[in-house]
Amino acid sequence: MVTPDLDTLLATSEARSPHRCCFLLHVRPEKLTEYVAAHQDVWEEMREALSAAGWRNYSLFLRPEDGMVVGYFEADDVDAAQGAMARAAISPRWEAAMGEYFTPGGDEKQVLPQYFHLP
């Protein structure tokens, strides 16, 4: 029996969904408190832009030991929702404000492939 390679398994998994997205970010450990505090009062304009772009059930989770952030959201079309946020007028201002918190390259979303889902 030949087992498909990992990339093939991930790309062809029936659990893949255009409606769910999970991603990683990396915050500088010395900036964790400030980063979390900034998310306790996300600008209303940013919240509105996320909703208008179709982001739902958006959550961020933190592993404090190393600053790893896990993000998750749902949308009718994840790719379209991410594109809409990239084009939103508020995005450059938010990205600039958040930039100081991330490790070099840590602000680039590393999207994780989905391979299992239990509805």
PDB file of N, CA and C in Angstrom:
ATOM      1  N   MET A   1       0.838  -1.182   0.000  1.00  0.00           N
ATOM      2  CA  MET A   1       0.000   0.000   0.000  1.00  0.00           C
ATOM      3  C   MET A   1       0.882   1.243   0.000  1.00  0.00           C
ATOM      4  N   VAL A   2       0.625   2.146  -0.922  1.00  0.00           N
ATOM      5  CA  VAL A   2       1.378   3.393  -1.005  1.00  0.00           C
ATOM      6  C   VAL A   2       0.610   4.469  -0.245  1.00  0.00           C
ATOM      7  N   THR A   3       1.285   5.137   0.672  1.00  0.00           N
ATOM      8  CA  THR A   3       0.674   6.208   1.441  1.00  0.00           C
ATOM      9  C   THR A   3       0.997   7.540   0.777  1.00  0.00           C
ATOM     10  N   PRO A   4      -0.020   8.386   0.555  1.00  0.00           N
ATOM     11  CA  PRO A   4       0.267   9.687  -0.058  1.00  0.00           C
ATOM     12  C   PRO A   4       1.150  10.535   0.853  1.00  0.00           C
ATOM     13  N   ASP A   5       1.882  11.459   0.257  1.00  0.00           N
ATOM     14  CA  ASP A   5       2.727  12.320   1.083  1.00  0.00           C
ATOM     15  C   ASP A   5       1.863  13.332   1.840  1.00  0.00           C
ATOM     16  N   LEU A   6       2.449  13.986   2.803  1.00  0.00           N
ATOM     17  CA  LEU A   6       1.718  14.897   3.682  1.00  0.00           C
ATOM     18  C   LEU A   6       1.054  16.029   2.903  1.00  0.00           C
ATOM     19  N   ASP A   7       1.771  16.650   1.976  1.00  0.00           N
ATOM     20  CA  ASP A   7       1.193  17.753   1.204  1.00  0.00           C
ATOM     21  C   ASP A   7      -0.054  17.297   0.455  1.00  0.00           C
ATOM     22  N   THR A   8      -0.005  16.110  -0.114  1.00  0.00           N
ATOM     23  CA  THR A   8      -1.162  15.588  -0.838  1.00  0.00           C
ATOM     24  C   THR A   8      -2.320  15.336   0.111  1.00  0.00           C
ATOM     25  N   LEU A   9      -2.038  14.751   1.262  1.00  0.00           N
ATOM     26  CA  LEU A   9      -3.095  14.498   2.252  1.00  0.00           C
ATOM     27  C   LEU A   9      -3.758  15.798   2.700  1.00  0.00           C
ATOM     28  N   LEU A  10      -2.941  16.808   2.995  1.00  0.00           N
ATOM     29  CA  LEU A  10      -3.493  18.079   3.451  1.00  0.00           C
ATOM     30  C   LEU A  10      -4.292  18.771   2.353  1.00  0.00           C
ATOM     31  N   ALA A  11      -3.813  18.690   1.133  1.00  0.00           N
ATOM     32  CA  ALA A  11      -4.478  19.361   0.015  1.00  0.00           C
ATOM     33  C   ALA A  11      -5.779  18.682  -0.396  1.00  0.00           C
ATOM     34  N   THR A  12      -5.894  17.410  -0.124  1.00  0.00           N
ATOM     35  CA  THR A  12      -7.073  16.671  -0.586  1.00  0.00           C
ATOM     36  C   THR A  12      -8.016  16.259   0.543  1.00  0.00           C
ATOM     37  N   SER A  13      -7.689  16.632   1.766  1.00  0.00           N
ATOM     38  CA  SER A  13      -8.539  16.261   2.898  1.00  0.00           C
ATOM     39  C   SER A  13      -9.959  16.780   2.715  1.00  0.00           C
ATOM     40  N   GLU A  14     -10.935  15.924   2.940  1.00  0.00           N
ATOM     41  CA  GLU A  14     -12.334  16.330   2.856  1.00  0.00           C
ATOM     42  C   GLU A  14     -12.717  17.291   3.973  1.00  0.00           C
ATOM     43  N   ALA A  15     -11.890  17.412   4.995  1.00  0.00           N
ATOM     44  CA  ALA A  15     -12.167  18.323   6.106  1.00  0.00           C
ATOM     45  C   ALA A  15     -11.807  19.773   5.755  1.00  0.00           C
ATOM     46  N   ARG A  16     -11.049  19.973   4.676  1.00  0.00           N
ATOM     47  CA  ARG A  16     -10.700  21.334   4.268  1.00  0.00           C
ATOM     48  C   ARG A  16     -11.976  22.131   4.044  1.00  0.00           C
ATOM     49  N   SER A  17     -11.920  23.400   4.368  1.00  0.00           N
ATOM     50  CA  SER A  17     -13.110  24.220   4.242  1.00  0.00           C
ATOM     51  C   SER A  17     -12.749  25.623   3.782  1.00  0.00           C
ATOM     52  N   PRO A  18     -13.519  26.186   2.861  1.00  0.00           N
ATOM     53  CA  PRO A  18     -13.318  27.580   2.471  1.00  0.00           C
ATOM     54  C   PRO A  18     -13.953  28.543   3.474  1.00  0.00           C
ATOM     55  N   HIS A  19     -14.522  27.988   4.553  1.00  0.00           N
ATOM     56  CA  HIS A  19     -15.264  28.796   5.518  1.00  0.00           C
ATOM     57  C   HIS A  19     -14.546  28.993   6.852  1.00  0.00           C
ATOM     58  N   ARG A  20     -13.447  28.290   7.089  1.00  0.00           N
ATOM     59  CA  ARG A  20     -12.719  28.375   8.357  1.00  0.00           C
ATOM     60  C   ARG A  20     -11.247  28.655   8.082  1.00  0.00           C
ATOM     61  N   CYS A  21     -10.647  29.484   8.947  1.00  0.00           N
ATOM     62  CA  CYS A  21      -9.222  29.802   8.802  1.00  0.00           C
ATOM     63  C   CYS A  21      -8.573  29.837  10.182  1.00  0.00           C
ATOM     64  N   CYS A  22      -7.442  29.175  10.291  1.00  0.00           N
ATOM     65  CA  CYS A  22      -6.644  29.199  11.510  1.00  0.00           C
ATOM     66  C   CYS A  22      -5.241  29.644  11.114  1.00  0.00           C
ATOM     67  N   PHE A  23      -4.665  30.541  11.897  1.00  0.00           N
ATOM     68  CA  PHE A  23      -3.350  31.062  11.540  1.00  0.00           C
ATOM     69  C   PHE A  23      -2.514  31.335  12.786  1.00  0.00           C
ATOM     70  N   LEU A  24      -1.208  31.455  12.567  1.00  0.00           N
ATOM     71  CA  LEU A  24      -0.256  31.743  13.642  1.00  0.00           C
ATOM     72  C   LEU A  24       0.384  33.104  13.424  1.00  0.00           C
ATOM     73  N   LEU A  25       0.657  33.791  14.533  1.00  0.00           N
ATOM     74  CA  LEU A  25       1.437  35.019  14.563  1.00  0.00           C
ATOM     75  C   LEU A  25       2.417  34.868  15.727  1.00  0.00           C
ATOM     76  N   HIS A  26       3.437  35.710  15.771  1.00  0.00           N
ATOM     77  CA  HIS A  26       4.414  35.611  16.868  1.00  0.00           C
ATOM     78  C   HIS A  26       4.693  36.991  17.451  1.00  0.00           C
ATOM     79  N   VAL A  27       4.354  37.159  18.731  1.00  0.00           N
ATOM     80  CA  VAL A  27       4.532  38.422  19.439  1.00  0.00           C
ATOM     81  C   VAL A  27       5.839  38.383  20.225  1.00  0.00           C
ATOM     82  N   ARG A  28       6.520  39.526  20.251  1.00  0.00           N
ATOM     83  CA  ARG A  28       7.750  39.630  21.045  1.00  0.00           C
ATOM     84  C   ARG A  28       7.403  39.410  22.518  1.00  0.00           C
ATOM     85  N   PRO A  29       8.085  38.505  23.186  1.00  0.00           N
ATOM     86  CA  PRO A  29       7.751  38.183  24.581  1.00  0.00           C
ATOM     87  C   PRO A  29       7.698  39.400  25.504  1.00  0.00           C
ATOM     88  N   GLU A  30       8.577  40.364  25.300  1.00  0.00           N
ATOM     89  CA  GLU A  30       8.598  41.543  26.178  1.00  0.00           C
ATOM     90  C   GLU A  30       7.431  42.494  25.901  1.00  0.00           C
ATOM     91  N   LYS A  31       6.683  42.248  24.838  1.00  0.00           N
ATOM     92  CA  LYS A  31       5.552  43.102  24.462  1.00  0.00           C
ATOM     93  C   LYS A  31       4.200  42.424  24.675  1.00  0.00           C
ATOM     94  N   LEU A  32       4.182  41.235  25.263  1.00  0.00           N
ATOM     95  CA  LEU A  32       2.941  40.478  25.394  1.00  0.00           C
ATOM     96  C   LEU A  32       1.853  41.215  26.170  1.00  0.00           C
ATOM     97  N   THR A  33       2.209  41.810  27.298  1.00  0.00           N
ATOM     98  CA  THR A  33       1.209  42.500  28.118  1.00  0.00           C
ATOM     99  C   THR A  33       0.580  43.647  27.339  1.00  0.00           C
ATOM    100  N   GLU A  34       1.410  44.441  26.667  1.00  0.00           N
ATOM    101  CA  GLU A  34       0.891  45.560  25.875  1.00  0.00           C
ATOM    102  C   GLU A  34       0.031  45.061  24.717  1.00  0.00           C
ATOM    103  N   TYR A  35       0.457  43.981  24.071  1.00  0.00           N
ATOM    104  CA  TYR A  35      -0.279  43.429  22.939  1.00  0.00           C
ATOM    105  C   TYR A  35      -1.668  42.961  23.364  1.00  0.00           C
ATOM    106  N   VAL A  36      -1.732  42.223  24.457  1.00  0.00           N
ATOM    107  CA  VAL A  36      -3.028  41.743  24.952  1.00  0.00           C
ATOM    108  C   VAL A  36      -3.888  42.931  25.384  1.00  0.00           C
ATOM    109  N   ALA A  37      -3.291  43.911  26.049  1.00  0.00           N
ATOM    110  CA  ALA A  37      -4.039  45.097  26.481  1.00  0.00           C
ATOM    111  C   ALA A  37      -4.627  45.834  25.273  1.00  0.00           C
ATOM    112  N   ALA A  38      -3.877  45.921  24.183  1.00  0.00           N
ATOM    113  CA  ALA A  38      -4.365  46.599  22.980  1.00  0.00           C
ATOM    114  C   ALA A  38      -5.596  45.909  22.406  1.00  0.00           C
ATOM    115  N   HIS A  39      -5.709  44.623  22.630  1.00  0.00           N
ATOM    116  CA  HIS A  39      -6.854  43.877  22.107  1.00  0.00           C
ATOM    117  C   HIS A  39      -8.055  43.881  23.052  1.00  0.00           C
ATOM    118  N   GLN A  40      -7.909  44.509  24.204  1.00  0.00           N
ATOM    119  CA  GLN A  40      -9.050  44.640  25.100  1.00  0.00           C
ATOM    120  C   GLN A  40      -9.948  45.799  24.670  1.00  0.00           C
ATOM    121  N   ASP A  41      -9.419  46.640  23.787  1.00  0.00           N
ATOM    122  CA  ASP A  41     -10.183  47.796  23.307  1.00  0.00           C
ATOM    123  C   ASP A  41      -9.881  48.018  21.826  1.00  0.00           C
ATOM    124  N   VAL A  42     -10.222  47.020  21.001  1.00  0.00           N
ATOM    125  CA  VAL A  42      -9.989  47.125  19.554  1.00  0.00           C
ATOM    126  C   VAL A  42     -10.850  48.259  19.016  1.00  0.00           C
ATOM    127  N   TRP A  43     -10.239  49.082  18.176  1.00  0.00           N
ATOM    128  CA  TRP A  43     -10.938  50.235  17.615  1.00  0.00           C
ATOM    129  C   TRP A  43     -12.252  49.805  16.976  1.00  0.00           C
ATOM    130  N   GLU A  44     -13.280  50.585  17.203  1.00  0.00           N
ATOM    131  CA  GLU A  44     -14.596  50.281  16.632  1.00  0.00           C
ATOM    132  C   GLU A  44     -14.523  50.221  15.111  1.00  0.00           C
ATOM    133  N   GLU A  45     -13.750  51.112  14.506  1.00  0.00           N
ATOM    134  CA  GLU A  45     -13.599  51.110  13.046  1.00  0.00           C
ATOM    135  C   GLU A  45     -12.989  49.794  12.550  1.00  0.00           C
ATOM    136  N   MET A  46     -12.083  49.228  13.328  1.00  0.00           N
ATOM    137  CA  MET A  46     -11.480  47.942  12.957  1.00  0.00           C
ATOM    138  C   MET A  46     -12.500  46.824  13.100  1.00  0.00           C
ATOM    139  N   ARG A  47     -13.259  46.821  14.180  1.00  0.00           N
ATOM    140  CA  ARG A  47     -14.310  45.818  14.379  1.00  0.00           C
ATOM    141  C   ARG A  47     -15.325  45.865  13.231  1.00  0.00           C
ATOM    142  N   GLU A  48     -15.719  47.069  12.855  1.00  0.00           N
ATOM    143  CA  GLU A  48     -16.683  47.240  11.767  1.00  0.00           C
ATOM    144  C   GLU A  48     -16.114  46.739  10.440  1.00  0.00           C
ATOM    145  N   ALA A  49     -14.831  47.019  10.193  1.00  0.00           N
ATOM    146  CA  ALA A  49     -14.197  46.572   8.949  1.00  0.00           C
ATOM    147  C   ALA A  49     -14.135  45.048   8.889  1.00  0.00           C
ATOM    148  N   LEU A  50     -13.788  44.413   9.995  1.00  0.00           N
ATOM    149  CA  LEU A  50     -13.753  42.951  10.035  1.00  0.00           C
ATOM    150  C   LEU A  50     -15.130  42.364   9.742  1.00  0.00           C
ATOM    151  N   SER A  51     -16.141  42.922  10.377  1.00  0.00           N
ATOM    152  CA  SER A  51     -17.509  42.439  10.142  1.00  0.00           C
ATOM    153  C   SER A  51     -17.934  42.676   8.697  1.00  0.00           C
ATOM    154  N   ALA A  52     -17.642  43.860   8.166  1.00  0.00           N
ATOM    155  CA  ALA A  52     -18.011  44.182   6.791  1.00  0.00           C
ATOM    156  C   ALA A  52     -17.295  43.271   5.792  1.00  0.00           C
ATOM    157  N   ALA A  53     -16.085  42.845   6.141  1.00  0.00           N
ATOM    158  CA  ALA A  53     -15.308  41.958   5.271  1.00  0.00           C
ATOM    159  C   ALA A  53     -15.797  40.515   5.356  1.00  0.00           C
ATOM    160  N   GLY A  54     -16.685  40.237   6.300  1.00  0.00           N
ATOM    161  CA  GLY A  54     -17.251  38.901   6.402  1.00  0.00           C
ATOM    162  C   GLY A  54     -16.624  38.011   7.460  1.00  0.00           C
ATOM    163  N   TRP A  55     -15.736  38.564   8.298  1.00  0.00           N
ATOM    164  CA  TRP A  55     -15.125  37.760   9.362  1.00  0.00           C
ATOM    165  C   TRP A  55     -16.159  37.532  10.468  1.00  0.00           C
ATOM    166  N   ARG A  56     -16.306  36.271  10.893  1.00  0.00           N
ATOM    167  CA  ARG A  56     -17.203  35.899  11.996  1.00  0.00           C
ATOM    168  C   ARG A  56     -16.452  34.969  12.950  1.00  0.00           C
ATOM    169  N   ASN A  57     -16.943  34.930  14.179  1.00  0.00           N
ATOM    170  CA  ASN A  57     -16.356  34.027  15.180  1.00  0.00           C
ATOM    171  C   ASN A  57     -14.836  34.164  15.232  1.00  0.00           C
ATOM    172  N   TYR A  58     -14.363  35.390  15.140  1.00  0.00           N
ATOM    173  CA  TYR A  58     -12.916  35.662  15.142  1.00  0.00           C
ATOM    174  C   TYR A  58     -12.411  35.611  16.573  1.00  0.00           C
ATOM    175  N   SER A  59     -11.409  34.783  16.808  1.00  0.00           N
ATOM    176  CA  SER A  59     -10.823  34.631  18.135  1.00  0.00           C
ATOM    177  C   SER A  59      -9.312  34.610  18.018  1.00  0.00           C
ATOM    178  N   LEU A  60      -8.651  35.108  19.049  1.00  0.00           N
ATOM    179  CA  LEU A  60      -7.201  35.023  19.174  1.00  0.00           C
ATOM    180  C   LEU A  60      -6.874  34.294  20.466  1.00  0.00           C
ATOM    181  N   PHE A  61      -5.897  33.405  20.409  1.00  0.00           N
ATOM    182  CA  PHE A  61      -5.447  32.642  21.564  1.00  0.00           C
ATOM    183  C   PHE A  61      -3.944  32.847  21.700  1.00  0.00           C
ATOM    184  N   LEU A  62      -3.450  32.872  22.923  1.00  0.00           N
ATOM    185  CA  LEU A  62      -2.037  33.175  23.166  1.00  0.00           C
ATOM    186  C   LEU A  62      -1.356  32.077  23.962  1.00  0.00           C
ATOM    187  N   ARG A  63      -0.159  31.721  23.527  1.00  0.00           N
ATOM    188  CA  ARG A  63       0.714  30.870  24.336  1.00  0.00           C
ATOM    189  C   ARG A  63       1.778  31.804  24.912  1.00  0.00           C
ATOM    190  N   PRO A  64       1.626  32.220  26.180  1.00  0.00           N
ATOM    191  CA  PRO A  64       2.500  33.231  26.770  1.00  0.00           C
ATOM    192  C   PRO A  64       3.980  32.840  26.845  1.00  0.00           C
ATOM    193  N   GLU A  65       4.256  31.551  26.917  1.00  0.00           N
ATOM    194  CA  GLU A  65       5.654  31.122  27.067  1.00  0.00           C
ATOM    195  C   GLU A  65       6.546  31.628  25.940  1.00  0.00           C
ATOM    196  N   ASP A  66       6.007  31.718  24.734  1.00  0.00           N
ATOM    197  CA  ASP A  66       6.851  32.123  23.599  1.00  0.00           C
ATOM    198  C   ASP A  66       6.186  33.146  22.685  1.00  0.00           C
ATOM    199  N   GLY A  67       5.014  33.645  23.067  1.00  0.00           N
ATOM    200  CA  GLY A  67       4.361  34.681  22.285  1.00  0.00           C
ATOM    201  C   GLY A  67       3.635  34.191  21.051  1.00  0.00           C
ATOM    202  N   MET A  68       3.401  32.885  20.949  1.00  0.00           N
ATOM    203  CA  MET A  68       2.682  32.391  19.789  1.00  0.00           C
ATOM    204  C   MET A  68       1.197  32.727  19.931  1.00  0.00           C
ATOM    205  N   VAL A  69       0.648  33.336  18.875  1.00  0.00           N
ATOM    206  CA  VAL A  69      -0.769  33.670  18.815  1.00  0.00           C
ATOM    207  C   VAL A  69      -1.414  32.764  17.780  1.00  0.00           C
ATOM    208  N   VAL A  70      -2.526  32.162  18.157  1.00  0.00           N
ATOM    209  CA  VAL A  70      -3.321  31.368  17.233  1.00  0.00           C
ATOM    210  C   VAL A  70      -4.596  32.158  16.965  1.00  0.00           C
ATOM    211  N   GLY A  71      -4.848  32.434  15.700  1.00  0.00           N
ATOM    212  CA  GLY A  71      -6.060  33.135  15.307  1.00  0.00           C
ATOM    213  C   GLY A  71      -6.993  32.192  14.578  1.00  0.00           C
ATOM    214  N   TYR A  72      -8.291  32.436  14.723  1.00  0.00           N
ATOM    215  CA  TYR A  72      -9.288  31.613  14.054  1.00  0.00           C
ATOM    216  C   TYR A  72     -10.451  32.506  13.675  1.00  0.00           C
ATOM    217  N   PHE A  73     -10.956  32.334  12.452  1.00  0.00           N
ATOM    218  CA  PHE A  73     -12.186  33.007  12.076  1.00  0.00           C
ATOM    219  C   PHE A  73     -12.925  32.183  11.040  1.00  0.00           C
ATOM    220  N   GLU A  74     -14.178  32.532  10.863  1.00  0.00           N
ATOM    221  CA  GLU A  74     -15.034  31.896   9.864  1.00  0.00           C
ATOM    222  C   GLU A  74     -15.551  32.973   8.929  1.00  0.00           C
ATOM    223  N   ALA A  75     -15.833  32.586   7.688  1.00  0.00           N
ATOM    224  CA  ALA A  75     -16.386  33.493   6.689  1.00  0.00           C
ATOM    225  C   ALA A  75     -17.065  32.666   5.612  1.00  0.00           C
ATOM    226  N   ASP A  76     -17.940  33.292   4.852  1.00  0.00           N
ATOM    227  CA  ASP A  76     -18.544  32.582   3.727  1.00  0.00           C
ATOM    228  C   ASP A  76     -17.469  32.158   2.740  1.00  0.00           C
ATOM    229  N   ASP A  77     -16.459  33.015   2.568  1.00  0.00           N
ATOM    230  CA  ASP A  77     -15.321  32.755   1.683  1.00  0.00           C
ATOM    231  C   ASP A  77     -14.095  33.359   2.355  1.00  0.00           C
ATOM    232  N   VAL A  78     -13.284  32.525   2.968  1.00  0.00           N
ATOM    233  CA  VAL A  78     -12.121  32.985   3.735  1.00  0.00           C
ATOM    234  C   VAL A  78     -11.180  33.825   2.875  1.00  0.00           C
ATOM    235  N   ASP A  79     -10.887  33.377   1.671  1.00  0.00           N
ATOM    236  CA  ASP A  79      -9.965  34.127   0.813  1.00  0.00           C
ATOM    237  C   ASP A  79     -10.514  35.511   0.499  1.00  0.00           C
ATOM    238  N   ALA A  80     -11.790  35.592   0.177  1.00  0.00           N
ATOM    239  CA  ALA A  80     -12.416  36.887  -0.119  1.00  0.00           C
ATOM    240  C   ALA A  80     -12.421  37.776   1.124  1.00  0.00           C
ATOM    241  N   ALA A  81     -12.679  37.204   2.287  1.00  0.00           N
ATOM    242  CA  ALA A  81     -12.706  37.978   3.527  1.00  0.00           C
ATOM    243  C   ALA A  81     -11.331  38.531   3.861  1.00  0.00           C
ATOM    244  N   GLN A  82     -10.289  37.730   3.653  1.00  0.00           N
ATOM    245  CA  GLN A  82      -8.927  38.216   3.891  1.00  0.00           C
ATOM    246  C   GLN A  82      -8.568  39.315   2.892  1.00  0.00           C
ATOM    247  N   GLY A  83      -8.971  39.140   1.647  1.00  0.00           N
ATOM    248  CA  GLY A  83      -8.718  40.156   0.635  1.00  0.00           C
ATOM    249  C   GLY A  83      -9.415  41.459   0.951  1.00  0.00           C
ATOM    250  N   ALA A  84     -10.653  41.368   1.419  1.00  0.00           N
ATOM    251  CA  ALA A  84     -11.404  42.569   1.785  1.00  0.00           C
ATOM    252  C   ALA A  84     -10.723  43.316   2.925  1.00  0.00           C
ATOM    253  N   MET A  85     -10.198  42.594   3.884  1.00  0.00           N
ATOM    254  CA  MET A  85      -9.489  43.257   4.987  1.00  0.00           C
ATOM    255  C   MET A  85      -8.189  43.884   4.505  1.00  0.00           C
ATOM    256  N   ALA A  86      -7.509  43.242   3.591  1.00  0.00           N
ATOM    257  CA  ALA A  86      -6.264  43.807   3.055  1.00  0.00           C
ATOM    258  C   ALA A  86      -6.532  45.137   2.342  1.00  0.00           C
ATOM    259  N   ARG A  87      -7.735  45.276   1.781  1.00  0.00           N
ATOM    260  CA  ARG A  87      -8.093  46.499   1.064  1.00  0.00           C
ATOM    261  C   ARG A  87      -8.802  47.531   1.946  1.00  0.00           C
ATOM    262  N   ALA A  88      -9.178  47.164   3.165  1.00  0.00           N
ATOM    263  CA  ALA A  88      -9.915  48.071   4.050  1.00  0.00           C
ATOM    264  C   ALA A  88      -9.054  49.275   4.413  1.00  0.00           C
ATOM    265  N   ALA A  89      -9.671  50.440   4.415  1.00  0.00           N
ATOM    266  CA  ALA A  89      -8.945  51.687   4.689  1.00  0.00           C
ATOM    267  C   ALA A  89      -8.264  51.681   6.058  1.00  0.00           C
ATOM    268  N   ILE A  90      -8.848  51.014   7.038  1.00  0.00           N
ATOM    269  CA  ILE A  90      -8.297  50.989   8.399  1.00  0.00           C
ATOM    270  C   ILE A  90      -7.078  50.075   8.522  1.00  0.00           C
ATOM    271  N   SER A  91      -6.935  49.114   7.625  1.00  0.00           N
ATOM    272  CA  SER A  91      -5.883  48.098   7.776  1.00  0.00           C
ATOM    273  C   SER A  91      -4.473  48.653   7.897  1.00  0.00           C
ATOM    274  N   PRO A  92      -4.031  49.579   7.042  1.00  0.00           N
ATOM    275  CA  PRO A  92      -2.654  50.077   7.197  1.00  0.00           C
ATOM    276  C   PRO A  92      -2.409  50.738   8.548  1.00  0.00           C
ATOM    277  N   ARG A  93      -3.408  51.463   9.054  1.00  0.00           N
ATOM    278  CA  ARG A  93      -3.247  52.119  10.356  1.00  0.00           C
ATOM    279  C   ARG A  93      -3.166  51.092  11.482  1.00  0.00           C
ATOM    280  N   TRP A  94      -4.040  50.056  11.419  1.00  0.00           N
ATOM    281  CA  TRP A  94      -4.012  49.002  12.440  1.00  0.00           C
ATOM    282  C   TRP A  94      -2.694  48.242  12.386  1.00  0.00           C
ATOM    283  N   GLU A  95      -2.276  47.872  11.176  1.00  0.00           N
ATOM    284  CA  GLU A  95      -1.014  47.134  11.010  1.00  0.00           C
ATOM    285  C   GLU A  95       0.166  47.936  11.549  1.00  0.00           C
ATOM    286  N   ALA A  96       0.164  49.238  11.304  1.00  0.00           N
ATOM    287  CA  ALA A  96       1.249  50.087  11.823  1.00  0.00           C
ATOM    288  C   ALA A  96       1.240  50.121  13.346  1.00  0.00           C
ATOM    289  N   ALA A  97       0.051  50.207  13.924  1.00  0.00           N
ATOM    290  CA  ALA A  97      -0.063  50.245  15.388  1.00  0.00           C
ATOM    291  C   ALA A  97       0.356  48.917  16.013  1.00  0.00           C
ATOM    292  N   MET A  98       0.076  47.817  15.354  1.00  0.00           N
ATOM    293  CA  MET A  98       0.396  46.492  15.890  1.00  0.00           C
ATOM    294  C   MET A  98       1.821  46.056  15.576  1.00  0.00           C
ATOM    295  N   GLY A  99       2.445  46.660  14.582  1.00  0.00           N
ATOM    296  CA  GLY A  99       3.756  46.231  14.120  1.00  0.00           C
ATOM    297  C   GLY A  99       4.822  46.134  15.191  1.00  0.00           C
ATOM    298  N   GLU A 100       4.779  47.019  16.165  1.00  0.00           N
ATOM    299  CA  GLU A 100       5.802  47.025  17.210  1.00  0.00           C
ATOM    300  C   GLU A 100       5.772  45.779  18.097  1.00  0.00           C
ATOM    301  N   TYR A 101       4.670  45.066  18.084  1.00  0.00           N
ATOM    302  CA  TYR A 101       4.508  43.925  18.981  1.00  0.00           C
ATOM    303  C   TYR A 101       5.074  42.615  18.442  1.00  0.00           C
ATOM    304  N   PHE A 102       5.238  42.530  17.129  1.00  0.00           N
ATOM    305  CA  PHE A 102       5.599  41.255  16.529  1.00  0.00           C
ATOM    306  C   PHE A 102       7.098  41.042  16.386  1.00  0.00           C
ATOM    307  N   THR A 103       7.496  39.783  16.452  1.00  0.00           N
ATOM    308  CA  THR A 103       8.875  39.417  16.168  1.00  0.00           C
ATOM    309  C   THR A 103       9.124  39.693  14.689  1.00  0.00           C
ATOM    310  N   PRO A 104      10.375  39.805  14.249  1.00  0.00           N
ATOM    311  CA  PRO A 104      10.631  40.011  12.820  1.00  0.00           C
ATOM    312  C   PRO A 104       9.951  38.912  11.998  1.00  0.00           C
ATOM    313  N   GLY A 105       9.094  39.323  11.093  1.00  0.00           N
ATOM    314  CA  GLY A 105       8.341  38.369  10.280  1.00  0.00           C
ATOM    315  C   GLY A 105       7.158  37.749  10.995  1.00  0.00           C
ATOM    316  N   GLY A 106       7.001  38.020  12.282  1.00  0.00           N
ATOM    317  CA  GLY A 106       5.948  37.397  13.086  1.00  0.00           C
ATOM    318  C   GLY A 106       4.563  37.928  12.816  1.00  0.00           C
ATOM    319  N   ASP A 107       4.476  39.032  12.043  1.00  0.00           N
ATOM    320  CA  ASP A 107       3.159  39.586  11.732  1.00  0.00           C
ATOM    321  C   ASP A 107       2.588  39.029  10.434  1.00  0.00           C
ATOM    322  N   GLU A 108       3.331  38.145   9.794  1.00  0.00           N
ATOM    323  CA  GLU A 108       2.833  37.508   8.580  1.00  0.00           C
ATOM    324  C   GLU A 108       2.069  36.250   8.984  1.00  0.00           C
ATOM    325  N   LYS A 109       0.798  36.222   8.648  1.00  0.00           N
ATOM    326  CA  LYS A 109      -0.037  35.079   9.030  1.00  0.00           C
ATOM    327  C   LYS A 109       0.475  33.802   8.383  1.00  0.00           C
ATOM    328  N   GLN A 110       0.725  32.824   9.209  1.00  0.00           N
ATOM    329  CA  GLN A 110       1.039  31.482   8.716  1.00  0.00           C
ATOM    330  C   GLN A 110      -0.260  30.691   8.810  1.00  0.00           C
ATOM    331  N   VAL A 111      -0.949  30.550   7.674  1.00  0.00           N
ATOM    332  CA  VAL A 111      -2.227  29.845   7.661  1.00  0.00           C
ATOM    333  C   VAL A 111      -1.981  28.352   7.787  1.00  0.00           C
ATOM    334  N   LEU A 112      -2.728  27.719   8.686  1.00  0.00           N
ATOM    335  CA  LEU A 112      -2.571  26.289   8.935  1.00  0.00           C
ATOM    336  C   LEU A 112      -3.601  25.507   8.136  1.00  0.00           C
ATOM    337  N   PRO A 113      -3.184  24.429   7.488  1.00  0.00           N
ATOM    338  CA  PRO A 113      -4.147  23.624   6.735  1.00  0.00           C
ATOM    339  C   PRO A 113      -5.028  22.802   7.686  1.00  0.00           C
ATOM    340  N   GLN A 114      -6.292  22.725   7.344  1.00  0.00           N
ATOM    341  CA  GLN A 114      -7.235  21.935   8.136  1.00  0.00           C
ATOM    342  C   GLN A 114      -7.289  20.519   7.582  1.00  0.00           C
ATOM    343  N   TYR A 115      -7.240  19.527   8.468  1.00  0.00           N
ATOM    344  CA  TYR A 115      -7.277  18.137   8.022  1.00  0.00           C
ATOM    345  C   TYR A 115      -8.289  17.280   8.774  1.00  0.00           C
ATOM    346  N   PHE A 116      -8.970  17.888   9.775  1.00  0.00           N
ATOM    347  CA  PHE A 116      -9.997  17.166  10.519  1.00  0.00           C
ATOM    348  C   PHE A 116     -11.024  18.181  11.009  1.00  0.00           C
ATOM    349  N   HIS A 117     -12.289  17.782  10.976  1.00  0.00           N
ATOM    350  CA  HIS A 117     -13.356  18.637  11.489  1.00  0.00           C
ATOM    351  C   HIS A 117     -14.496  17.740  11.980  1.00  0.00           C
ATOM    352  N   LEU A 118     -14.944  17.992  13.201  1.00  0.00           N
ATOM    353  CA  LEU A 118     -16.087  17.282  13.753  1.00  0.00           C
ATOM    354  C   LEU A 118     -17.203  18.297  13.916  1.00  0.00           C
ATOM    355  N   PRO A 119     -18.187  18.276  13.015  1.00  0.00           N
ATOM    356  CA  PRO A 119     -19.270  19.268  13.104  1.00  0.00           C
ATOM    357  C   PRO A 119     -20.165  19.040  14.326  1.00  0.00           C
TER     358      PRO A 119
END
